[in-house]
């Protein structure tokens, strides 16, 4: 086995997170044998779609050496604005068009972040904290603050679409929504950008060292701008999926989800200093966060401990690699 496994396999964040996922699933299954069923798996998959899309975007930002906390505000702004727009001018519009406009709105808001960061040189955390408040405030003040349950018919139709459905022998219903294809598309597209294009290598290079990236001819400004436009577009897609599947355009939704998304990415091994991050690790982090959020009550832990558990996982996921790196540096010295 050691011949084909990478030497650092057992010390990778991905391996650690996968092990924790297995432990959680075993404990939950022992507590309630019904936990590990196709019904539960389909529910977990459904819960992972929006957070998964957002986490892919957050990973890209961390890889580039930045941090973005405004993506939930962008998601809600794009979703709510698109819904209001089409209810006003074309209620019967097809859902692909509604989704495309939400993605465009998200990309525009992401470009605002990118302008301040790439061209004005402002710190990423400060910029995105500011735009988080600005985007939410603008939405509630000028576009609307009322929950909308009477969505365009196409959005409701989208929420009913499934790839598979059925009933278990115990009589429990399950379904896999076709919105999961959006997550698959985002994963494949992002993998292609990061692994198969010069742009992807440039993103990793900027995260490693901005000055070194400049010296080898990388256009740092436009690469950073792309990152935030892309993340904004993903947020717009995640937002409109969230509104469609939930069958409600709620301007107050997704508040506080930033913690879970960033936790998933960090647990997956992305470094806050930039230059490293994998889609595999991010998806494992998403899986762990979703399982934690949905299994605590099964294990017998009150849901009020959810934030405590996620916080402890973040400390574990960042502390263990940092400790290992410190020990490795000490040995090398």
C-alpha atoms as a PDB file:
ATOM      1  CA  UNK A   1       0.000   0.000   0.000  1.00  0.00           C
ATOM      2  CA  UNK A   2       2.835   2.373   0.857  1.00  0.00           C
ATOM      3  CA  UNK A   3       4.227   1.920  -2.661  1.00  0.00           C
ATOM      4  CA  UNK A   4       1.335   3.687  -4.366  1.00  0.00           C
ATOM      5  CA  UNK A   5       0.178   6.069  -1.637  1.00  0.00           C
ATOM      6  CA  UNK A   6       1.912   9.486  -1.518  1.00  0.00           C
ATOM      7  CA  UNK A   7       4.424   9.750   1.324  1.00  0.00           C
ATOM      8  CA  UNK A   8       2.432  12.489   3.047  1.00  0.00           C
ATOM      9  CA  UNK A   9      -0.944  10.774   2.570  1.00  0.00           C
ATOM     10  CA  UNK A  10      -1.568  10.092   6.264  1.00  0.00           C
ATOM     11  CA  UNK A  11      -0.619  13.640   7.277  1.00  0.00           C
ATOM     12  CA  UNK A  12      -2.704  15.506   4.715  1.00  0.00           C
ATOM     13  CA  UNK A  13      -5.690  17.617   5.766  1.00  0.00           C
ATOM     14  CA  UNK A  14      -7.838  15.689   3.309  1.00  0.00           C
ATOM     15  CA  UNK A  15      -7.042  12.405   5.059  1.00  0.00           C
ATOM     16  CA  UNK A  16      -7.706  13.892   8.486  1.00  0.00           C
ATOM     17  CA  UNK A  17     -11.062  15.331   7.391  1.00  0.00           C
ATOM     18  CA  UNK A  18     -12.065  12.065   5.696  1.00  0.00           C
ATOM     19  CA  UNK A  19     -11.271  10.223   8.927  1.00  0.00           C
ATOM     20  CA  UNK A  20     -13.406  12.618  10.980  1.00  0.00           C
ATOM     21  CA  UNK A  21     -16.280  12.172   8.500  1.00  0.00           C
ATOM     22  CA  UNK A  22     -16.091   8.401   8.910  1.00  0.00           C
ATOM     23  CA  UNK A  23     -16.086   8.732  12.714  1.00  0.00           C
ATOM     24  CA  UNK A  24     -19.114  11.042  12.652  1.00  0.00           C
ATOM     25  CA  UNK A  25     -21.014   8.699  10.326  1.00  0.00           C
ATOM     26  CA  UNK A  26     -20.208   5.655  12.467  1.00  0.00           C
ATOM     27  CA  UNK A  27     -21.315   7.400  15.674  1.00  0.00           C
ATOM     28  CA  UNK A  28     -24.488   8.707  14.028  1.00  0.00           C
ATOM     29  CA  UNK A  29     -25.305   5.274  12.573  1.00  0.00           C
ATOM     30  CA  UNK A  30     -24.793   3.600  15.947  1.00  0.00           C
ATOM     31  CA  UNK A  31     -27.047   6.211  17.576  1.00  0.00           C
ATOM     32  CA  UNK A  32     -29.689   5.838  14.866  1.00  0.00           C
ATOM     33  CA  UNK A  33     -29.376   3.004  12.290  1.00  0.00           C
ATOM     34  CA  UNK A  34     -31.627   5.002   9.969  1.00  0.00           C
ATOM     35  CA  UNK A  35     -28.926   7.659   9.590  1.00  0.00           C
ATOM     36  CA  UNK A  36     -26.942   5.817   6.933  1.00  0.00           C
ATOM     37  CA  UNK A  37     -29.733   5.408   4.395  1.00  0.00           C
ATOM     38  CA  UNK A  38     -30.320   6.743   0.909  1.00  0.00           C
ATOM     39  CA  UNK A  39     -32.896   9.143   2.359  1.00  0.00           C
ATOM     40  CA  UNK A  40     -30.322  10.729   4.659  1.00  0.00           C
ATOM     41  CA  UNK A  41     -27.660  10.768   1.953  1.00  0.00           C
ATOM     42  CA  UNK A  42     -30.016  12.551  -0.450  1.00  0.00           C
ATOM     43  CA  UNK A  43     -30.901  15.094   2.246  1.00  0.00           C
ATOM     44  CA  UNK A  44     -27.208  15.733   2.954  1.00  0.00           C
ATOM     45  CA  UNK A  45     -26.513  16.103  -0.755  1.00  0.00           C
ATOM     46  CA  UNK A  46     -29.342  18.605  -1.075  1.00  0.00           C
ATOM     47  CA  UNK A  47     -27.982  20.590   1.861  1.00  0.00           C
ATOM     48  CA  UNK A  48     -24.476  20.617   0.352  1.00  0.00           C
ATOM     49  CA  UNK A  49     -25.342  22.198  -3.003  1.00  0.00           C
ATOM     50  CA  UNK A  50     -25.390  25.886  -2.050  1.00  0.00           C
ATOM     51  CA  UNK A  51     -22.631  25.709   0.551  1.00  0.00           C
ATOM     52  CA  UNK A  52     -20.556  23.635  -1.894  1.00  0.00           C
ATOM     53  CA  UNK A  53     -20.780  26.223  -4.682  1.00  0.00           C
ATOM     54  CA  UNK A  54     -19.927  29.035  -2.267  1.00  0.00           C
ATOM     55  CA  UNK A  55     -17.036  27.028  -0.809  1.00  0.00           C
ATOM     56  CA  UNK A  56     -15.471  26.496  -4.242  1.00  0.00           C
ATOM     57  CA  UNK A  57     -15.460  30.267  -4.710  1.00  0.00           C
ATOM     58  CA  UNK A  58     -14.086  30.910  -1.227  1.00  0.00           C
ATOM     59  CA  UNK A  59     -11.299  28.400  -1.883  1.00  0.00           C
ATOM     60  CA  UNK A  60     -10.279  30.251  -5.023  1.00  0.00           C
ATOM     61  CA  UNK A  61      -9.968  33.497  -3.068  1.00  0.00           C
ATOM     62  CA  UNK A  62      -7.875  31.841  -0.344  1.00  0.00           C
ATOM     63  CA  UNK A  63      -5.616  30.237  -2.942  1.00  0.00           C
ATOM     64  CA  UNK A  64      -5.001  33.694  -4.441  1.00  0.00           C
ATOM     65  CA  UNK A  65      -3.913  35.003  -1.041  1.00  0.00           C
ATOM     66  CA  UNK A  66      -7.112  36.875  -0.161  1.00  0.00           C
ATOM     67  CA  UNK A  67     -10.206  36.345   1.930  1.00  0.00           C
ATOM     68  CA  UNK A  68     -13.797  37.137   1.002  1.00  0.00           C
ATOM     69  CA  UNK A  69     -16.649  37.394   3.511  1.00  0.00           C
ATOM     70  CA  UNK A  70     -19.103  39.186   1.207  1.00  0.00           C
ATOM     71  CA  UNK A  71     -20.162  36.219  -0.944  1.00  0.00           C
ATOM     72  CA  UNK A  72     -23.379  35.561   0.994  1.00  0.00           C
ATOM     73  CA  UNK A  73     -24.428  39.198   0.591  1.00  0.00           C
ATOM     74  CA  UNK A  74     -23.685  38.931  -3.135  1.00  0.00           C
ATOM     75  CA  UNK A  75     -25.682  35.689  -3.354  1.00  0.00           C
ATOM     76  CA  UNK A  76     -28.754  37.178  -1.685  1.00  0.00           C
ATOM     77  CA  UNK A  77     -28.492  40.461  -3.623  1.00  0.00           C
ATOM     78  CA  UNK A  78     -28.276  38.659  -6.974  1.00  0.00           C
ATOM     79  CA  UNK A  79     -31.086  36.224  -6.129  1.00  0.00           C
ATOM     80  CA  UNK A  80     -33.506  38.818  -4.772  1.00  0.00           C
ATOM     81  CA  UNK A  81     -32.775  41.413  -7.474  1.00  0.00           C
ATOM     82  CA  UNK A  82     -33.237  38.870 -10.260  1.00  0.00           C
ATOM     83  CA  UNK A  83     -36.509  37.674  -8.758  1.00  0.00           C
ATOM     84  CA  UNK A  84     -37.871  41.212  -8.400  1.00  0.00           C
ATOM     85  CA  UNK A  85     -36.702  42.137 -11.898  1.00  0.00           C
ATOM     86  CA  UNK A  86     -38.435  39.232 -13.626  1.00  0.00           C
ATOM     87  CA  UNK A  87     -41.598  39.495 -11.536  1.00  0.00           C
ATOM     88  CA  UNK A  88     -41.779  43.089 -12.753  1.00  0.00           C
ATOM     89  CA  UNK A  89     -40.902  42.805 -16.443  1.00  0.00           C
ATOM     90  CA  UNK A  90     -41.341  39.147 -17.448  1.00  0.00           C
ATOM     91  CA  UNK A  91     -42.853  36.741 -14.901  1.00  0.00           C
ATOM     92  CA  UNK A  92     -42.974  33.944 -17.477  1.00  0.00           C
ATOM     93  CA  UNK A  93     -39.255  34.030 -18.299  1.00  0.00           C
ATOM     94  CA  UNK A  94     -37.493  30.639 -18.529  1.00  0.00           C
ATOM     95  CA  UNK A  95     -35.367  29.686 -15.544  1.00  0.00           C
ATOM     96  CA  UNK A  96     -32.045  29.551 -17.480  1.00  0.00           C
ATOM     97  CA  UNK A  97     -32.446  33.250 -18.277  1.00  0.00           C
ATOM     98  CA  UNK A  98     -33.313  34.113 -14.673  1.00  0.00           C
ATOM     99  CA  UNK A  99     -30.297  32.135 -13.474  1.00  0.00           C
ATOM    100  CA  UNK A 100     -28.030  33.803 -16.041  1.00  0.00           C
ATOM    101  CA  UNK A 101     -29.074  37.291 -14.915  1.00  0.00           C
ATOM    102  CA  UNK A 102     -28.438  36.342 -11.282  1.00  0.00           C
ATOM    103  CA  UNK A 103     -24.963  35.137 -12.257  1.00  0.00           C
ATOM    104  CA  UNK A 104     -24.330  38.429 -14.096  1.00  0.00           C
ATOM    105  CA  UNK A 105     -25.486  40.459 -11.076  1.00  0.00           C
ATOM    106  CA  UNK A 106     -23.147  38.424  -8.894  1.00  0.00           C
ATOM    107  CA  UNK A 107     -20.241  38.937 -11.291  1.00  0.00           C
ATOM    108  CA  UNK A 108     -20.819  42.709 -11.303  1.00  0.00           C
ATOM    109  CA  UNK A 109     -20.763  42.842  -7.501  1.00  0.00           C
ATOM    110  CA  UNK A 110     -17.666  40.645  -7.495  1.00  0.00           C
ATOM    111  CA  UNK A 111     -16.046  43.077  -9.939  1.00  0.00           C
ATOM    112  CA  UNK A 112     -16.611  45.866  -7.407  1.00  0.00           C
ATOM    113  CA  UNK A 113     -14.644  43.862  -4.842  1.00  0.00           C
ATOM    114  CA  UNK A 114     -12.009  43.115  -7.448  1.00  0.00           C
ATOM    115  CA  UNK A 115     -11.605  46.783  -8.388  1.00  0.00           C
ATOM    116  CA  UNK A 116     -10.937  47.893  -4.823  1.00  0.00           C
ATOM    117  CA  UNK A 117      -8.557  44.993  -4.194  1.00  0.00           C
ATOM    118  CA  UNK A 118      -6.710  44.659  -7.502  1.00  0.00           C
ATOM    119  CA  UNK A 119      -6.545  48.258  -8.685  1.00  0.00           C
ATOM    120  CA  UNK A 120      -6.627  50.255  -5.447  1.00  0.00           C
ATOM    121  CA  UNK A 121      -4.579  47.756  -3.467  1.00  0.00           C
ATOM    122  CA  UNK A 122      -6.875  47.663  -0.429  1.00  0.00           C
ATOM    123  CA  UNK A 123      -6.796  44.703   2.012  1.00  0.00           C
ATOM    124  CA  UNK A 124      -9.172  41.924   0.973  1.00  0.00           C
ATOM    125  CA  UNK A 125     -10.760  41.427   4.387  1.00  0.00           C
ATOM    126  CA  UNK A 126     -11.436  45.146   4.865  1.00  0.00           C
ATOM    127  CA  UNK A 127     -12.927  45.515   1.388  1.00  0.00           C
ATOM    128  CA  UNK A 128     -15.219  42.498   1.630  1.00  0.00           C
ATOM    129  CA  UNK A 129     -16.330  43.385   5.158  1.00  0.00           C
ATOM    130  CA  UNK A 130     -17.297  46.790   3.821  1.00  0.00           C
ATOM    131  CA  UNK A 131     -19.077  45.522   0.736  1.00  0.00           C
ATOM    132  CA  UNK A 132     -20.858  42.899   2.842  1.00  0.00           C
ATOM    133  CA  UNK A 133     -22.640  45.720   4.670  1.00  0.00           C
ATOM    134  CA  UNK A 134     -23.016  47.941   1.592  1.00  0.00           C
ATOM    135  CA  UNK A 135     -24.589  45.241  -0.586  1.00  0.00           C
ATOM    136  CA  UNK A 136     -27.007  44.130   2.144  1.00  0.00           C
ATOM    137  CA  UNK A 137     -27.913  47.712   3.059  1.00  0.00           C
ATOM    138  CA  UNK A 138     -28.479  48.711  -0.564  1.00  0.00           C
ATOM    139  CA  UNK A 139     -30.656  45.654  -1.156  1.00  0.00           C
ATOM    140  CA  UNK A 140     -32.873  46.260   1.865  1.00  0.00           C
ATOM    141  CA  UNK A 141     -33.110  50.023   1.305  1.00  0.00           C
ATOM    142  CA  UNK A 142     -33.610  50.354  -2.438  1.00  0.00           C
ATOM    143  CA  UNK A 143     -34.748  46.985  -3.809  1.00  0.00           C
ATOM    144  CA  UNK A 144     -36.880  45.381  -1.123  1.00  0.00           C
ATOM    145  CA  UNK A 145     -37.044  43.913   2.346  1.00  0.00           C
ATOM    146  CA  UNK A 146     -40.141  41.724   2.019  1.00  0.00           C
ATOM    147  CA  UNK A 147     -40.017  37.966   1.626  1.00  0.00           C
ATOM    148  CA  UNK A 148     -41.402  36.894  -1.747  1.00  0.00           C
ATOM    149  CA  UNK A 149     -43.092  33.508  -1.921  1.00  0.00           C
ATOM    150  CA  UNK A 150     -44.856  34.099  -5.257  1.00  0.00           C
ATOM    151  CA  UNK A 151     -41.819  33.360  -7.403  1.00  0.00           C
ATOM    152  CA  UNK A 152     -41.769  33.272 -11.220  1.00  0.00           C
ATOM    153  CA  UNK A 153     -43.285  29.941 -12.335  1.00  0.00           C
ATOM    154  CA  UNK A 154     -40.018  28.821 -13.924  1.00  0.00           C
ATOM    155  CA  UNK A 155     -38.199  29.069 -10.598  1.00  0.00           C
ATOM    156  CA  UNK A 156     -40.859  26.919  -8.940  1.00  0.00           C
ATOM    157  CA  UNK A 157     -40.606  24.441 -11.801  1.00  0.00           C
ATOM    158  CA  UNK A 158     -36.846  24.264 -11.282  1.00  0.00           C
ATOM    159  CA  UNK A 159     -37.364  23.397  -7.613  1.00  0.00           C
ATOM    160  CA  UNK A 160     -39.471  20.382  -8.624  1.00  0.00           C
ATOM    161  CA  UNK A 161     -36.883  18.941 -11.005  1.00  0.00           C
ATOM    162  CA  UNK A 162     -35.181  15.750  -9.826  1.00  0.00           C
ATOM    163  CA  UNK A 163     -32.573  13.400 -11.233  1.00  0.00           C
ATOM    164  CA  UNK A 164     -33.916  10.446  -9.270  1.00  0.00           C
ATOM    165  CA  UNK A 165     -36.641   9.756  -6.765  1.00  0.00           C
ATOM    166  CA  UNK A 166     -38.102   6.797  -5.001  1.00  0.00           C
ATOM    167  CA  UNK A 167     -39.270   5.217  -1.787  1.00  0.00           C
ATOM    168  CA  UNK A 168     -37.241   2.961   0.467  1.00  0.00           C
ATOM    169  CA  UNK A 169     -38.490  -0.380   1.794  1.00  0.00           C
ATOM    170  CA  UNK A 170     -39.263   1.399   5.070  1.00  0.00           C
ATOM    171  CA  UNK A 171     -41.545   3.773   3.191  1.00  0.00           C
ATOM    172  CA  UNK A 172     -39.278   6.821   3.348  1.00  0.00           C
ATOM    173  CA  UNK A 173     -39.267   9.090   0.309  1.00  0.00           C
ATOM    174  CA  UNK A 174     -36.006  10.322  -1.216  1.00  0.00           C
ATOM    175  CA  UNK A 175     -35.074  12.471  -4.194  1.00  0.00           C
ATOM    176  CA  UNK A 176     -31.928  13.859  -5.771  1.00  0.00           C
ATOM    177  CA  UNK A 177     -32.577  17.347  -7.192  1.00  0.00           C
ATOM    178  CA  UNK A 178     -31.152  18.279 -10.551  1.00  0.00           C
ATOM    179  CA  UNK A 179     -29.644  21.375  -8.932  1.00  0.00           C
ATOM    180  CA  UNK A 180     -26.828  19.015  -7.924  1.00  0.00           C
ATOM    181  CA  UNK A 181     -25.716  19.236 -11.554  1.00  0.00           C
ATOM    182  CA  UNK A 182     -24.917  22.907 -10.953  1.00  0.00           C
ATOM    183  CA  UNK A 183     -22.481  21.903  -8.215  1.00  0.00           C
ATOM    184  CA  UNK A 184     -20.908  19.282 -10.477  1.00  0.00           C
ATOM    185  CA  UNK A 185     -20.557  21.866 -13.264  1.00  0.00           C
ATOM    186  CA  UNK A 186     -18.908  24.382 -10.915  1.00  0.00           C
ATOM    187  CA  UNK A 187     -16.476  21.738  -9.632  1.00  0.00           C
ATOM    188  CA  UNK A 188     -15.481  20.608 -13.147  1.00  0.00           C
ATOM    189  CA  UNK A 189     -15.131  24.173 -14.453  1.00  0.00           C
ATOM    190  CA  UNK A 190     -13.041  25.285 -11.480  1.00  0.00           C
ATOM    191  CA  UNK A 191     -10.858  22.156 -11.702  1.00  0.00           C
ATOM    192  CA  UNK A 192     -10.229  22.899 -15.371  1.00  0.00           C
ATOM    193  CA  UNK A 193      -9.315  26.536 -14.658  1.00  0.00           C
ATOM    194  CA  UNK A 194      -6.949  25.675 -11.811  1.00  0.00           C
ATOM    195  CA  UNK A 195      -5.272  22.611 -13.322  1.00  0.00           C
ATOM    196  CA  UNK A 196      -5.382  23.082 -17.082  1.00  0.00           C
ATOM    197  CA  UNK A 197      -4.918  26.793 -17.707  1.00  0.00           C
ATOM    198  CA  UNK A 198      -2.183  29.377 -17.283  1.00  0.00           C
ATOM    199  CA  UNK A 199      -4.742  31.477 -15.415  1.00  0.00           C
ATOM    200  CA  UNK A 200      -5.078  28.775 -12.763  1.00  0.00           C
ATOM    201  CA  UNK A 201      -1.324  28.549 -12.302  1.00  0.00           C
ATOM    202  CA  UNK A 202      -1.236  32.335 -12.042  1.00  0.00           C
ATOM    203  CA  UNK A 203      -3.779  32.258  -9.213  1.00  0.00           C
ATOM    204  CA  UNK A 204      -1.609  29.818  -7.243  1.00  0.00           C
ATOM    205  CA  UNK A 205       1.503  31.894  -8.003  1.00  0.00           C
ATOM    206  CA  UNK A 206      -0.094  35.110  -6.725  1.00  0.00           C
ATOM    207  CA  UNK A 207      -1.136  33.354  -3.529  1.00  0.00           C
ATOM    208  CA  UNK A 208       2.409  32.130  -3.028  1.00  0.00           C
ATOM    209  CA  UNK A 209       4.074  35.502  -3.596  1.00  0.00           C
ATOM    210  CA  UNK A 210       2.681  38.543  -5.373  1.00  0.00           C
ATOM    211  CA  UNK A 211       6.126  40.000  -6.050  1.00  0.00           C
ATOM    212  CA  UNK A 212       7.472  36.746  -7.456  1.00  0.00           C
ATOM    213  CA  UNK A 213       4.384  36.459  -9.663  1.00  0.00           C
ATOM    214  CA  UNK A 214       4.998  39.950 -11.025  1.00  0.00           C
ATOM    215  CA  UNK A 215       8.653  39.166 -11.756  1.00  0.00           C
ATOM    216  CA  UNK A 216       7.750  36.181 -13.927  1.00  0.00           C
ATOM    217  CA  UNK A 217       5.326  38.285 -15.967  1.00  0.00           C
ATOM    218  CA  UNK A 218       1.937  37.480 -14.416  1.00  0.00           C
ATOM    219  CA  UNK A 219      -0.622  40.268 -14.685  1.00  0.00           C
ATOM    220  CA  UNK A 220      -1.505  40.333 -10.985  1.00  0.00           C
ATOM    221  CA  UNK A 221      -4.247  42.950 -11.216  1.00  0.00           C
ATOM    222  CA  UNK A 222      -6.290  41.248 -13.909  1.00  0.00           C
ATOM    223  CA  UNK A 223      -5.817  37.835 -12.338  1.00  0.00           C
ATOM    224  CA  UNK A 224      -7.101  39.139  -9.007  1.00  0.00           C
ATOM    225  CA  UNK A 225     -10.005  40.837 -10.763  1.00  0.00           C
ATOM    226  CA  UNK A 226     -10.922  37.552 -12.450  1.00  0.00           C
ATOM    227  CA  UNK A 227     -10.905  35.751  -9.089  1.00  0.00           C
ATOM    228  CA  UNK A 228     -13.439  38.116  -7.523  1.00  0.00           C
ATOM    229  CA  UNK A 229     -15.623  38.302 -10.635  1.00  0.00           C
ATOM    230  CA  UNK A 230     -15.674  34.503 -10.769  1.00  0.00           C
ATOM    231  CA  UNK A 231     -16.475  34.208  -7.075  1.00  0.00           C
ATOM    232  CA  UNK A 232     -19.263  36.763  -7.492  1.00  0.00           C
ATOM    233  CA  UNK A 233     -20.706  34.777 -10.396  1.00  0.00           C
ATOM    234  CA  UNK A 234     -20.665  31.585  -8.329  1.00  0.00           C
ATOM    235  CA  UNK A 235     -22.366  33.442  -5.481  1.00  0.00           C
ATOM    236  CA  UNK A 236     -25.068  34.631  -7.886  1.00  0.00           C
ATOM    237  CA  UNK A 237     -25.620  31.045  -9.022  1.00  0.00           C
ATOM    238  CA  UNK A 238     -25.717  29.736  -5.450  1.00  0.00           C
ATOM    239  CA  UNK A 239     -28.160  32.467  -4.445  1.00  0.00           C
ATOM    240  CA  UNK A 240     -30.682  31.831  -7.212  1.00  0.00           C
ATOM    241  CA  UNK A 241     -30.524  28.075  -6.575  1.00  0.00           C
ATOM    242  CA  UNK A 242     -31.118  28.720  -2.867  1.00  0.00           C
ATOM    243  CA  UNK A 243     -34.147  30.899  -3.615  1.00  0.00           C
ATOM    244  CA  UNK A 244     -35.587  28.496  -6.197  1.00  0.00           C
ATOM    245  CA  UNK A 245     -35.173  25.322  -4.149  1.00  0.00           C
ATOM    246  CA  UNK A 246     -36.484  27.048  -1.028  1.00  0.00           C
ATOM    247  CA  UNK A 247     -39.336  28.552  -3.100  1.00  0.00           C
ATOM    248  CA  UNK A 248     -38.856  31.923  -1.464  1.00  0.00           C
ATOM    249  CA  UNK A 249     -36.808  35.035  -2.177  1.00  0.00           C
ATOM    250  CA  UNK A 250     -35.779  36.093   1.314  1.00  0.00           C
ATOM    251  CA  UNK A 251     -33.472  39.154   1.545  1.00  0.00           C
ATOM    252  CA  UNK A 252     -32.441  38.033   5.039  1.00  0.00           C
ATOM    253  CA  UNK A 253     -31.405  34.505   4.079  1.00  0.00           C
ATOM    254  CA  UNK A 254     -27.874  33.053   4.179  1.00  0.00           C
ATOM    255  CA  UNK A 255     -26.844  35.479   6.939  1.00  0.00           C
ATOM    256  CA  UNK A 256     -24.052  33.890   8.965  1.00  0.00           C
ATOM    257  CA  UNK A 257     -23.329  31.145   6.432  1.00  0.00           C
ATOM    258  CA  UNK A 258     -19.881  32.699   5.872  1.00  0.00           C
ATOM    259  CA  UNK A 259     -18.553  30.870   8.945  1.00  0.00           C
ATOM    260  CA  UNK A 260     -19.607  27.447   7.687  1.00  0.00           C
ATOM    261  CA  UNK A 261     -18.289  28.064   4.176  1.00  0.00           C
ATOM    262  CA  UNK A 262     -14.895  29.377   5.267  1.00  0.00           C
ATOM    263  CA  UNK A 263     -14.694  26.584   7.863  1.00  0.00           C
ATOM    264  CA  UNK A 264     -15.235  23.991   5.125  1.00  0.00           C
ATOM    265  CA  UNK A 265     -12.467  25.485   2.979  1.00  0.00           C
ATOM    266  CA  UNK A 266      -9.995  25.812   5.847  1.00  0.00           C
ATOM    267  CA  UNK A 267     -10.735  22.296   7.065  1.00  0.00           C
ATOM    268  CA  UNK A 268     -10.035  21.101   3.533  1.00  0.00           C
ATOM    269  CA  UNK A 269      -6.488  22.403   3.825  1.00  0.00           C
ATOM    270  CA  UNK A 270      -6.598  25.798   2.110  1.00  0.00           C
ATOM    271  CA  UNK A 271      -4.059  28.099   3.722  1.00  0.00           C
ATOM    272  CA  UNK A 272      -5.093  31.535   4.914  1.00  0.00           C
ATOM    273  CA  UNK A 273      -1.750  32.893   3.684  1.00  0.00           C
ATOM    274  CA  UNK A 274      -2.546  31.704   0.152  1.00  0.00           C
ATOM    275  CA  UNK A 275      -0.836  29.542  -2.420  1.00  0.00           C
ATOM    276  CA  UNK A 276      -2.472  26.233  -1.530  1.00  0.00           C
ATOM    277  CA  UNK A 277      -5.919  24.689  -1.686  1.00  0.00           C
ATOM    278  CA  UNK A 278      -7.572  21.731  -3.368  1.00  0.00           C
ATOM    279  CA  UNK A 279     -11.064  21.003  -4.615  1.00  0.00           C
ATOM    280  CA  UNK A 280     -10.907  17.552  -3.008  1.00  0.00           C
ATOM    281  CA  UNK A 281     -10.140  19.045   0.384  1.00  0.00           C
ATOM    282  CA  UNK A 282     -12.807  21.713  -0.007  1.00  0.00           C
ATOM    283  CA  UNK A 283     -15.495  19.168  -0.893  1.00  0.00           C
ATOM    284  CA  UNK A 284     -14.487  16.974   2.049  1.00  0.00           C
ATOM    285  CA  UNK A 285     -14.708  20.050   4.266  1.00  0.00           C
ATOM    286  CA  UNK A 286     -18.190  20.789   2.912  1.00  0.00           C
ATOM    287  CA  UNK A 287     -19.232  17.190   3.545  1.00  0.00           C
ATOM    288  CA  UNK A 288     -17.985  17.381   7.133  1.00  0.00           C
ATOM    289  CA  UNK A 289     -19.739  20.682   7.852  1.00  0.00           C
ATOM    290  CA  UNK A 290     -23.019  19.440   6.347  1.00  0.00           C
ATOM    291  CA  UNK A 291     -22.825  16.164   8.272  1.00  0.00           C
ATOM    292  CA  UNK A 292     -22.098  18.033  11.522  1.00  0.00           C
ATOM    293  CA  UNK A 293     -25.001  20.396  10.944  1.00  0.00           C
ATOM    294  CA  UNK A 294     -27.396  17.541  10.253  1.00  0.00           C
ATOM    295  CA  UNK A 295     -26.209  14.807  12.602  1.00  0.00           C
ATOM    296  CA  UNK A 296     -25.697  16.459  15.992  1.00  0.00           C
ATOM    297  CA  UNK A 297     -29.275  15.887  17.081  1.00  0.00           C
ATOM    298  CA  UNK A 298     -29.016  12.236  15.975  1.00  0.00           C
ATOM    299  CA  UNK A 299     -25.905  11.774  18.128  1.00  0.00           C
ATOM    300  CA  UNK A 300     -27.702  13.408  21.042  1.00  0.00           C
ATOM    301  CA  UNK A 301     -25.910  16.772  21.020  1.00  0.00           C
ATOM    302  CA  UNK A 302     -28.177  19.873  21.142  1.00  0.00           C
ATOM    303  CA  UNK A 303     -28.164  21.882  17.909  1.00  0.00           C
ATOM    304  CA  UNK A 304     -27.180  24.939  19.958  1.00  0.00           C
ATOM    305  CA  UNK A 305     -23.707  23.363  20.098  1.00  0.00           C
ATOM    306  CA  UNK A 306     -23.414  23.480  16.317  1.00  0.00           C
ATOM    307  CA  UNK A 307     -21.272  26.638  16.247  1.00  0.00           C
ATOM    308  CA  UNK A 308     -19.083  25.301  19.059  1.00  0.00           C
ATOM    309  CA  UNK A 309     -18.490  22.081  17.153  1.00  0.00           C
ATOM    310  CA  UNK A 310     -17.671  23.877  13.907  1.00  0.00           C
ATOM    311  CA  UNK A 311     -15.312  26.226  15.752  1.00  0.00           C
ATOM    312  CA  UNK A 312     -13.520  23.286  17.359  1.00  0.00           C
ATOM    313  CA  UNK A 313     -13.186  21.609  13.971  1.00  0.00           C
ATOM    314  CA  UNK A 314     -11.629  24.787  12.557  1.00  0.00           C
ATOM    315  CA  UNK A 315      -9.107  24.863  15.413  1.00  0.00           C
ATOM    316  CA  UNK A 316      -8.345  21.185  14.835  1.00  0.00           C
ATOM    317  CA  UNK A 317      -8.113  21.540  11.080  1.00  0.00           C
ATOM    318  CA  UNK A 318      -5.751  24.522  11.222  1.00  0.00           C
ATOM    319  CA  UNK A 319      -3.913  23.744  14.450  1.00  0.00           C
ATOM    320  CA  UNK A 320      -2.761  20.220  13.613  1.00  0.00           C
ATOM    321  CA  UNK A 321      -1.166  21.140  10.238  1.00  0.00           C
ATOM    322  CA  UNK A 322       0.438  24.239  11.786  1.00  0.00           C
ATOM    323  CA  UNK A 323       1.891  22.142  14.610  1.00  0.00           C
ATOM    324  CA  UNK A 324       3.219  19.569  12.135  1.00  0.00           C
ATOM    325  CA  UNK A 325       4.777  22.307  10.009  1.00  0.00           C
ATOM    326  CA  UNK A 326       6.423  23.838  13.079  1.00  0.00           C
ATOM    327  CA  UNK A 327       7.893  20.482  14.086  1.00  0.00           C
ATOM    328  CA  UNK A 328       9.124  19.846  10.547  1.00  0.00           C
ATOM    329  CA  UNK A 329      10.795  23.254  10.477  1.00  0.00           C
ATOM    330  CA  UNK A 330      12.413  22.580  13.845  1.00  0.00           C
ATOM    331  CA  UNK A 331      13.821  19.277  12.595  1.00  0.00           C
ATOM    332  CA  UNK A 332      15.141  20.933   9.435  1.00  0.00           C
ATOM    333  CA  UNK A 333      16.775  23.652  11.528  1.00  0.00           C
END
